[in-house]
C-alpha cells in the first residue's frame, strides 16, 4: 500500500481550475477542513487526480508549477505529519 501526498501548489498562479470546480473537488478530499495537503492511498490519489485533470485550468501553470495540486509519493521511511 503506497501513500501519496497531494498538496496545493501555491506557485501555480491559475485561478481557472479552482473556479471551475477544483475548489469543490479539493474540499471533498480534505473534508472541507481547509487543509493545504492530504495523504492518501496511491489508488485513491490516482483516482482523484484523474478527476482533477478533467477540469479547465489544470495544465495552465508554469513549468515549475504546472498544476494547482502537486503530487508526491511518500517513502516508507518518511514520517507522516498529516
PDB file of N, CA and C in Angstrom:
ATOM      1  N   UNK A   1       0.849  -1.186   0.000  1.00  0.00           N
ATOM      2  CA  UNK A   1       0.000   0.000   0.000  1.00  0.00           C
ATOM      3  C   UNK A   1       0.887   1.240   0.000  1.00  0.00           C
ATOM      4  N   UNK A   2       1.009   1.900  -1.143  1.00  0.00           N
ATOM      5  CA  UNK A   2       1.770   3.124  -1.224  1.00  0.00           C
ATOM      6  C   UNK A   2       0.916   4.314  -0.819  1.00  0.00           C
ATOM      7  N   UNK A   3       1.593   5.333  -0.330  1.00  0.00           N
ATOM      8  CA  UNK A   3       0.910   6.559   0.063  1.00  0.00           C
ATOM      9  C   UNK A   3       1.396   7.718  -0.791  1.00  0.00           C
ATOM     10  N   UNK A   4       0.494   8.666  -1.021  1.00  0.00           N
ATOM     11  CA  UNK A   4       0.787   9.846  -1.833  1.00  0.00           C
ATOM     12  C   UNK A   4       0.305  11.074  -1.079  1.00  0.00           C
ATOM     13  N   UNK A   5       1.132  12.124  -1.125  1.00  0.00           N
ATOM     14  CA  UNK A   5       0.705  13.403  -0.550  1.00  0.00           C
ATOM     15  C   UNK A   5       0.262  14.308  -1.708  1.00  0.00           C
ATOM     16  N   UNK A   6      -0.956  14.791  -1.620  1.00  0.00           N
ATOM     17  CA  UNK A   6      -1.449  15.815  -2.527  1.00  0.00           C
ATOM     18  C   UNK A   6      -1.405  17.125  -1.759  1.00  0.00           C
ATOM     19  N   UNK A   7      -0.909  18.178  -2.408  1.00  0.00           N
ATOM     20  CA  UNK A   7      -0.776  19.462  -1.723  1.00  0.00           C
ATOM     21  C   UNK A   7      -1.048  20.601  -2.696  1.00  0.00           C
ATOM     22  N   UNK A   8      -1.656  21.652  -2.195  1.00  0.00           N
ATOM     23  CA  UNK A   8      -1.864  22.851  -3.002  1.00  0.00           C
ATOM     24  C   UNK A   8      -0.501  23.391  -3.395  1.00  0.00           C
ATOM     25  N   UNK A   9      -0.334  23.668  -4.677  1.00  0.00           N
ATOM     26  CA  UNK A   9       0.911  24.268  -5.161  1.00  0.00           C
ATOM     27  C   UNK A   9       0.682  25.768  -5.281  1.00  0.00           C
ATOM     28  N   UNK A  10       1.123  26.483  -4.279  1.00  0.00           N
ATOM     29  CA  UNK A  10       0.882  27.924  -4.223  1.00  0.00           C
ATOM     30  C   UNK A  10       1.663  28.702  -5.282  1.00  0.00           C
ATOM     31  N   UNK A  11       2.606  28.054  -5.953  1.00  0.00           N
ATOM     32  CA  UNK A  11       3.345  28.720  -7.022  1.00  0.00           C
ATOM     33  C   UNK A  11       2.606  28.669  -8.353  1.00  0.00           C
ATOM     34  N   UNK A  12       1.528  27.913  -8.413  1.00  0.00           N
ATOM     35  CA  UNK A  12       0.694  27.866  -9.615  1.00  0.00           C
ATOM     36  C   UNK A  12      -0.285  29.038  -9.549  1.00  0.00           C
ATOM     37  N   UNK A  13      -0.198  29.975 -10.494  1.00  0.00           N
ATOM     38  CA  UNK A  13      -0.983  31.204 -10.402  1.00  0.00           C
ATOM     39  C   UNK A  13      -2.420  31.116 -10.918  1.00  0.00           C
ATOM     40  N   UNK A  14      -2.770  30.032 -11.582  1.00  0.00           N
ATOM     41  CA  UNK A  14      -4.078  29.943 -12.235  1.00  0.00           C
ATOM     42  C   UNK A  14      -5.223  29.835 -11.232  1.00  0.00           C
ATOM     43  N   UNK A  15      -6.248  30.624 -11.452  1.00  0.00           N
ATOM     44  CA  UNK A  15      -7.479  30.536 -10.660  1.00  0.00           C
ATOM     45  C   UNK A  15      -8.550  29.748 -11.413  1.00  0.00           C
ATOM     46  N   UNK A  16      -8.324  29.490 -12.703  1.00  0.00           N
ATOM     47  CA  UNK A  16      -9.326  28.814 -13.528  1.00  0.00           C
ATOM     48  C   UNK A  16      -9.727  27.461 -12.958  1.00  0.00           C
ATOM     49  N   UNK A  17      -8.756  26.679 -12.530  1.00  0.00           N
ATOM     50  CA  UNK A  17      -9.054  25.349 -12.016  1.00  0.00           C
ATOM     51  C   UNK A  17      -9.876  25.448 -10.734  1.00  0.00           C
ATOM     52  N   UNK A  18      -9.473  26.326  -9.836  1.00  0.00           N
ATOM     53  CA  UNK A  18     -10.196  26.490  -8.574  1.00  0.00           C
ATOM     54  C   UNK A  18     -11.622  26.966  -8.811  1.00  0.00           C
ATOM     55  N   UNK A  19     -11.780  27.922  -9.719  1.00  0.00           N
ATOM     56  CA  UNK A  19     -13.105  28.481 -10.009  1.00  0.00           C
ATOM     57  C   UNK A  19     -13.959  27.554 -10.867  1.00  0.00           C
ATOM     58  N   UNK A  20     -13.327  26.616 -11.574  1.00  0.00           N
ATOM     59  CA  UNK A  20     -14.033  25.717 -12.477  1.00  0.00           C
ATOM     60  C   UNK A  20     -14.398  24.379 -11.874  1.00  0.00           C
ATOM     61  N   UNK A  21     -14.431  24.282 -10.555  1.00  0.00           N
ATOM     62  CA  UNK A  21     -14.814  23.040  -9.885  1.00  0.00           C
ATOM     63  C   UNK A  21     -13.729  22.460  -9.002  1.00  0.00           C
ATOM     64  N   UNK A  22     -12.512  22.975  -9.111  1.00  0.00           N
ATOM     65  CA  UNK A  22     -11.405  22.455  -8.319  1.00  0.00           C
ATOM     66  C   UNK A  22     -11.573  22.659  -6.824  1.00  0.00           C
ATOM     67  N   UNK A  23     -12.122  23.801  -6.436  1.00  0.00           N
ATOM     68  CA  UNK A  23     -12.327  24.069  -5.005  1.00  0.00           C
ATOM     69  C   UNK A  23     -13.239  23.008  -4.389  1.00  0.00           C
ATOM     70  N   UNK A  24     -14.323  22.690  -5.069  1.00  0.00           N
ATOM     71  CA  UNK A  24     -15.256  21.682  -4.564  1.00  0.00           C
ATOM     72  C   UNK A  24     -14.601  20.303  -4.518  1.00  0.00           C
ATOM     73  N   UNK A  25     -13.809  19.995  -5.552  1.00  0.00           N
ATOM     74  CA  UNK A  25     -13.127  18.702  -5.592  1.00  0.00           C
ATOM     75  C   UNK A  25     -12.114  18.598  -4.451  1.00  0.00           C
ATOM     76  N   UNK A  26     -11.348  19.675  -4.215  1.00  0.00           N
ATOM     77  CA  UNK A  26     -10.367  19.687  -3.126  1.00  0.00           C
ATOM     78  C   UNK A  26     -11.060  19.594  -1.766  1.00  0.00           C
ATOM     79  N   UNK A  27     -12.111  20.363  -1.595  1.00  0.00           N
ATOM     80  CA  UNK A  27     -12.844  20.311  -0.328  1.00  0.00           C
ATOM     81  C   UNK A  27     -13.410  18.916  -0.069  1.00  0.00           C
ATOM     82  N   UNK A  28     -13.782  18.213  -1.117  1.00  0.00           N
ATOM     83  CA  UNK A  28     -14.308  16.854  -0.963  1.00  0.00           C
ATOM     84  C   UNK A  28     -13.260  15.887  -0.435  1.00  0.00           C
ATOM     85  N   UNK A  29     -12.020  16.011  -0.902  1.00  0.00           N
ATOM     86  CA  UNK A  29     -10.973  15.085  -0.464  1.00  0.00           C
ATOM     87  C   UNK A  29     -10.398  15.485   0.892  1.00  0.00           C
ATOM     88  N   UNK A  30     -10.473  16.764   1.225  1.00  0.00           N
ATOM     89  CA  UNK A  30      -9.957  17.220   2.521  1.00  0.00           C
ATOM     90  C   UNK A  30     -11.082  17.366   3.550  1.00  0.00           C
ATOM     91  N   UNK A  31     -12.277  16.973   3.161  1.00  0.00           N
ATOM     92  CA  UNK A  31     -13.461  17.029   4.015  1.00  0.00           C
ATOM     93  C   UNK A  31     -13.775  18.447   4.465  1.00  0.00           C
ATOM     94  N   UNK A  32     -13.419  19.428   3.618  1.00  0.00           N
ATOM     95  CA  UNK A  32     -13.761  20.820   3.888  1.00  0.00           C
ATOM     96  C   UNK A  32     -13.085  21.407   5.105  1.00  0.00           C
ATOM     97  N   UNK A  33     -11.967  20.833   5.520  1.00  0.00           N
ATOM     98  CA  UNK A  33     -11.284  21.285   6.728  1.00  0.00           C
ATOM     99  C   UNK A  33     -10.264  22.386   6.455  1.00  0.00           C
ATOM    100  N   UNK A  34     -10.160  22.859   5.218  1.00  0.00           N
ATOM    101  CA  UNK A  34      -9.230  23.934   4.894  1.00  0.00           C
ATOM    102  C   UNK A  34      -7.777  23.499   4.861  1.00  0.00           C
ATOM    103  N   UNK A  35      -7.529  22.218   4.714  1.00  0.00           N
ATOM    104  CA  UNK A  35      -6.167  21.697   4.693  1.00  0.00           C
ATOM    105  C   UNK A  35      -5.462  22.071   3.392  1.00  0.00           C
ATOM    106  N   UNK A  36      -4.153  22.261   3.459  1.00  0.00           N
ATOM    107  CA  UNK A  36      -3.379  22.549   2.248  1.00  0.00           C
ATOM    108  C   UNK A  36      -2.721  21.293   1.698  1.00  0.00           C
ATOM    109  N   UNK A  37      -2.804  20.180   2.438  1.00  0.00           N
ATOM    110  CA  UNK A  37      -2.296  18.907   1.930  1.00  0.00           C
ATOM    111  C   UNK A  37      -3.079  17.759   2.574  1.00  0.00           C
ATOM    112  N   UNK A  38      -2.980  16.616   1.916  1.00  0.00           N
ATOM    113  CA  UNK A  38      -3.666  15.426   2.399  1.00  0.00           C
ATOM    114  C   UNK A  38      -2.854  14.208   1.970  1.00  0.00           C
ATOM    115  N   UNK A  39      -2.825  13.181   2.799  1.00  0.00           N
ATOM    116  CA  UNK A  39      -2.145  11.932   2.483  1.00  0.00           C
ATOM    117  C   UNK A  39      -3.204  10.881   2.189  1.00  0.00           C
ATOM    118  N   UNK A  40      -3.022  10.213   1.042  1.00  0.00           N
ATOM    119  CA  UNK A  40      -3.999   9.227   0.585  1.00  0.00           C
ATOM    120  C   UNK A  40      -3.298   7.964   0.124  1.00  0.00           C
ATOM    121  N   UNK A  41      -4.028   6.869   0.105  1.00  0.00           N
ATOM    122  CA  UNK A  41      -3.514   5.664  -0.532  1.00  0.00           C
ATOM    123  C   UNK A  41      -3.341   5.979  -2.015  1.00  0.00           C
ATOM    124  N   UNK A  42      -2.328   5.379  -2.633  1.00  0.00           N
ATOM    125  CA  UNK A  42      -1.963   5.704  -4.008  1.00  0.00           C
ATOM    126  C   UNK A  42      -3.133   5.557  -4.983  1.00  0.00           C
ATOM    127  N   UNK A  43      -3.928   4.516  -4.840  1.00  0.00           N
ATOM    128  CA  UNK A  43      -5.029   4.310  -5.785  1.00  0.00           C
ATOM    129  C   UNK A  43      -6.116   5.377  -5.626  1.00  0.00           C
ATOM    130  N   UNK A  44      -6.330   5.863  -4.418  1.00  0.00           N
ATOM    131  CA  UNK A  44      -7.314   6.925  -4.183  1.00  0.00           C
ATOM    132  C   UNK A  44      -6.786   8.235  -4.774  1.00  0.00           C
ATOM    133  N   UNK A  45      -5.503   8.515  -4.546  1.00  0.00           N
ATOM    134  CA  UNK A  45      -4.889   9.728  -5.102  1.00  0.00           C
ATOM    135  C   UNK A  45      -4.944   9.709  -6.626  1.00  0.00           C
ATOM    136  N   UNK A  46      -4.665   8.567  -7.245  1.00  0.00           N
ATOM    137  CA  UNK A  46      -4.693   8.458  -8.700  1.00  0.00           C
ATOM    138  C   UNK A  46      -6.100   8.721  -9.244  1.00  0.00           C
ATOM    139  N   UNK A  47      -7.092   8.191  -8.571  1.00  0.00           N
ATOM    140  CA  UNK A  47      -8.476   8.413  -8.985  1.00  0.00           C
ATOM    141  C   UNK A  47      -8.845   9.889  -8.853  1.00  0.00           C
ATOM    142  N   UNK A  48      -8.450  10.508  -7.747  1.00  0.00           N
ATOM    143  CA  UNK A  48      -8.749  11.921  -7.527  1.00  0.00           C
ATOM    144  C   UNK A  48      -8.050  12.780  -8.571  1.00  0.00           C
ATOM    145  N   UNK A  49      -6.782  12.493  -8.841  1.00  0.00           N
ATOM    146  CA  UNK A  49      -6.034  13.261  -9.847  1.00  0.00           C
ATOM    147  C   UNK A  49      -6.646  13.114 -11.233  1.00  0.00           C
ATOM    148  N   UNK A  50      -7.173  11.944 -11.537  1.00  0.00           N
ATOM    149  CA  UNK A  50      -7.837  11.730 -12.818  1.00  0.00           C
ATOM    150  C   UNK A  50      -9.018  12.675 -12.981  1.00  0.00           C
ATOM    151  N   UNK A  51      -9.768  12.854 -11.923  1.00  0.00           N
ATOM    152  CA  UNK A  51     -10.895  13.801 -11.949  1.00  0.00           C
ATOM    153  C   UNK A  51     -10.396  15.244 -12.019  1.00  0.00           C
ATOM    154  N   UNK A  52      -9.364  15.543 -11.270  1.00  0.00           N
ATOM    155  CA  UNK A  52      -8.818  16.908 -11.230  1.00  0.00           C
ATOM    156  C   UNK A  52      -8.310  17.345 -12.598  1.00  0.00           C
ATOM    157  N   UNK A  53      -7.694  16.433 -13.332  1.00  0.00           N
ATOM    158  CA  UNK A  53      -7.135  16.735 -14.651  1.00  0.00           C
ATOM    159  C   UNK A  53      -8.208  17.098 -15.670  1.00  0.00           C
ATOM    160  N   UNK A  54      -9.423  16.691 -15.434  1.00  0.00           N
ATOM    161  CA  UNK A  54     -10.526  16.954 -16.376  1.00  0.00           C
ATOM    162  C   UNK A  54     -11.051  18.386 -16.291  1.00  0.00           C
ATOM    163  N   UNK A  55     -10.731  19.075 -15.208  1.00  0.00           N
ATOM    164  CA  UNK A  55     -11.250  20.433 -15.018  1.00  0.00           C
ATOM    165  C   UNK A  55     -10.414  21.445 -15.788  1.00  0.00           C
ATOM    166  N   UNK A  56     -11.058  22.503 -16.278  1.00  0.00           N
ATOM    167  CA  UNK A  56     -10.304  23.534 -17.006  1.00  0.00           C
ATOM    168  C   UNK A  56      -9.282  24.216 -16.095  1.00  0.00           C
ATOM    169  N   UNK A  57      -8.112  24.496 -16.654  1.00  0.00           N
ATOM    170  CA  UNK A  57      -7.076  25.190 -15.906  1.00  0.00           C
ATOM    171  C   UNK A  57      -6.056  24.283 -15.247  1.00  0.00           C
ATOM    172  N   UNK A  58      -6.191  22.960 -15.403  1.00  0.00           N
ATOM    173  CA  UNK A  58      -5.267  22.043 -14.750  1.00  0.00           C
ATOM    174  C   UNK A  58      -3.829  22.215 -15.255  1.00  0.00           C
ATOM    175  N   UNK A  59      -3.658  22.420 -16.546  1.00  0.00           N
ATOM    176  CA  UNK A  59      -2.320  22.470 -17.152  1.00  0.00           C
ATOM    177  C   UNK A  59      -1.866  23.879 -17.504  1.00  0.00           C
ATOM    178  N   UNK A  60      -2.320  24.887 -16.805  1.00  0.00           N
ATOM    179  CA  UNK A  60      -2.024  26.253 -17.232  1.00  0.00           C
ATOM    180  C   UNK A  60      -0.933  26.941 -16.418  1.00  0.00           C
ATOM    181  N   UNK A  61      -0.262  26.215 -15.549  1.00  0.00           N
ATOM    182  CA  UNK A  61       0.771  26.825 -14.716  1.00  0.00           C
ATOM    183  C   UNK A  61       2.125  26.890 -15.396  1.00  0.00           C
ATOM    184  N   UNK A  62       3.089  27.413 -14.683  1.00  0.00           N
ATOM    185  CA  UNK A  62       4.471  27.498 -15.152  1.00  0.00           C
ATOM    186  C   UNK A  62       5.099  26.108 -15.177  1.00  0.00           C
ATOM    187  N   UNK A  63       6.244  26.003 -15.832  1.00  0.00           N
ATOM    188  CA  UNK A  63       6.947  24.721 -15.910  1.00  0.00           C
ATOM    189  C   UNK A  63       7.281  24.177 -14.518  1.00  0.00           C
ATOM    190  N   UNK A  64       7.632  25.049 -13.590  1.00  0.00           N
ATOM    191  CA  UNK A  64       7.994  24.612 -12.236  1.00  0.00           C
ATOM    192  C   UNK A  64       6.779  24.375 -11.338  1.00  0.00           C
ATOM    193  N   UNK A  65       5.606  24.782 -11.790  1.00  0.00           N
ATOM    194  CA  UNK A  65       4.363  24.562 -11.031  1.00  0.00           C
ATOM    195  C   UNK A  65       3.218  24.394 -12.030  1.00  0.00           C
ATOM    196  N   UNK A  66       3.215  23.281 -12.762  1.00  0.00           N
ATOM    197  CA  UNK A  66       2.261  23.129 -13.860  1.00  0.00           C
ATOM    198  C   UNK A  66       0.803  22.929 -13.449  1.00  0.00           C
ATOM    199  N   UNK A  67       0.581  22.430 -12.230  1.00  0.00           N
ATOM    200  CA  UNK A  67      -0.772  22.098 -11.789  1.00  0.00           C
ATOM    201  C   UNK A  67      -1.082  22.772 -10.451  1.00  0.00           C
ATOM    202  N   UNK A  68      -2.354  23.026 -10.181  1.00  0.00           N
ATOM    203  CA  UNK A  68      -2.729  23.639  -8.906  1.00  0.00           C
ATOM    204  C   UNK A  68      -2.487  22.733  -7.699  1.00  0.00           C
ATOM    205  N   UNK A  69      -2.440  21.422  -7.943  1.00  0.00           N
ATOM    206  CA  UNK A  69      -2.197  20.450  -6.881  1.00  0.00           C
ATOM    207  C   UNK A  69      -0.967  19.631  -7.255  1.00  0.00           C
ATOM    208  N   UNK A  70      -0.022  19.562  -6.336  1.00  0.00           N
ATOM    209  CA  UNK A  70       1.185  18.761  -6.537  1.00  0.00           C
ATOM    210  C   UNK A  70       0.992  17.392  -5.902  1.00  0.00           C
ATOM    211  N   UNK A  71       1.639  16.404  -6.491  1.00  0.00           N
ATOM    212  CA  UNK A  71       1.541  15.023  -6.021  1.00  0.00           C
ATOM    213  C   UNK A  71       2.943  14.488  -5.766  1.00  0.00           C
ATOM    214  N   UNK A  72       3.105  13.789  -4.643  1.00  0.00           N
ATOM    215  CA  UNK A  72       4.416  13.221  -4.316  1.00  0.00           C
ATOM    216  C   UNK A  72       4.235  11.928  -3.534  1.00  0.00           C
ATOM    217  N   UNK A  73       4.924  10.875  -4.005  1.00  0.00           N
ATOM    218  CA  UNK A  73       4.898   9.605  -3.267  1.00  0.00           C
ATOM    219  C   UNK A  73       5.621   9.787  -1.945  1.00  0.00           C
ATOM    220  N   UNK A  74       5.138   9.106  -0.937  1.00  0.00           N
ATOM    221  CA  UNK A  74       5.743   9.157   0.383  1.00  0.00           C
ATOM    222  C   UNK A  74       6.559   7.891   0.578  1.00  0.00           C
ATOM    223  N   UNK A  75       7.830   8.060   0.909  1.00  0.00           N
ATOM    224  CA  UNK A  75       8.709   6.922   1.151  1.00  0.00           C
ATOM    225  C   UNK A  75       8.339   6.173   2.415  1.00  0.00           C
ATOM    226  N   UNK A  76       8.681   4.902   2.446  1.00  0.00           N
ATOM    227  CA  UNK A  76       8.349   4.066   3.604  1.00  0.00           C
ATOM    228  C   UNK A  76       9.007   4.563   4.887  1.00  0.00           C
ATOM    229  N   UNK A  77      10.146   5.254   4.757  1.00  0.00           N
ATOM    230  CA  UNK A  77      10.873   5.702   5.940  1.00  0.00           C
ATOM    231  C   UNK A  77      10.519   7.127   6.356  1.00  0.00           C
ATOM    232  N   UNK A  78       9.598   7.771   5.643  1.00  0.00           N
ATOM    233  CA  UNK A  78       9.198   9.125   5.978  1.00  0.00           C
ATOM    234  C   UNK A  78       8.192   9.145   7.125  1.00  0.00           C
ATOM    235  N   UNK A  79       8.299  10.170   7.938  1.00  0.00           N
ATOM    236  CA  UNK A  79       7.308  10.363   8.984  1.00  0.00           C
ATOM    237  C   UNK A  79       6.084  11.039   8.385  1.00  0.00           C
ATOM    238  N   UNK A  80       4.922  10.629   8.851  1.00  0.00           N
ATOM    239  CA  UNK A  80       3.677  11.224   8.378  1.00  0.00           C
ATOM    240  C   UNK A  80       3.260  12.295   9.370  1.00  0.00           C
ATOM    241  N   UNK A  81       3.097  13.520   8.854  1.00  0.00           N
ATOM    242  CA  UNK A  81       2.696  14.611   9.760  1.00  0.00           C
ATOM    243  C   UNK A  81       1.286  15.078   9.504  1.00  0.00           C
ATOM    244  N   UNK A  82       0.529  14.383   8.663  1.00  0.00           N
ATOM    245  CA  UNK A  82      -0.885  14.709   8.422  1.00  0.00           C
ATOM    246  C   UNK A  82      -1.754  13.715   9.129  1.00  0.00           C
TER     247      UNK A  82
END
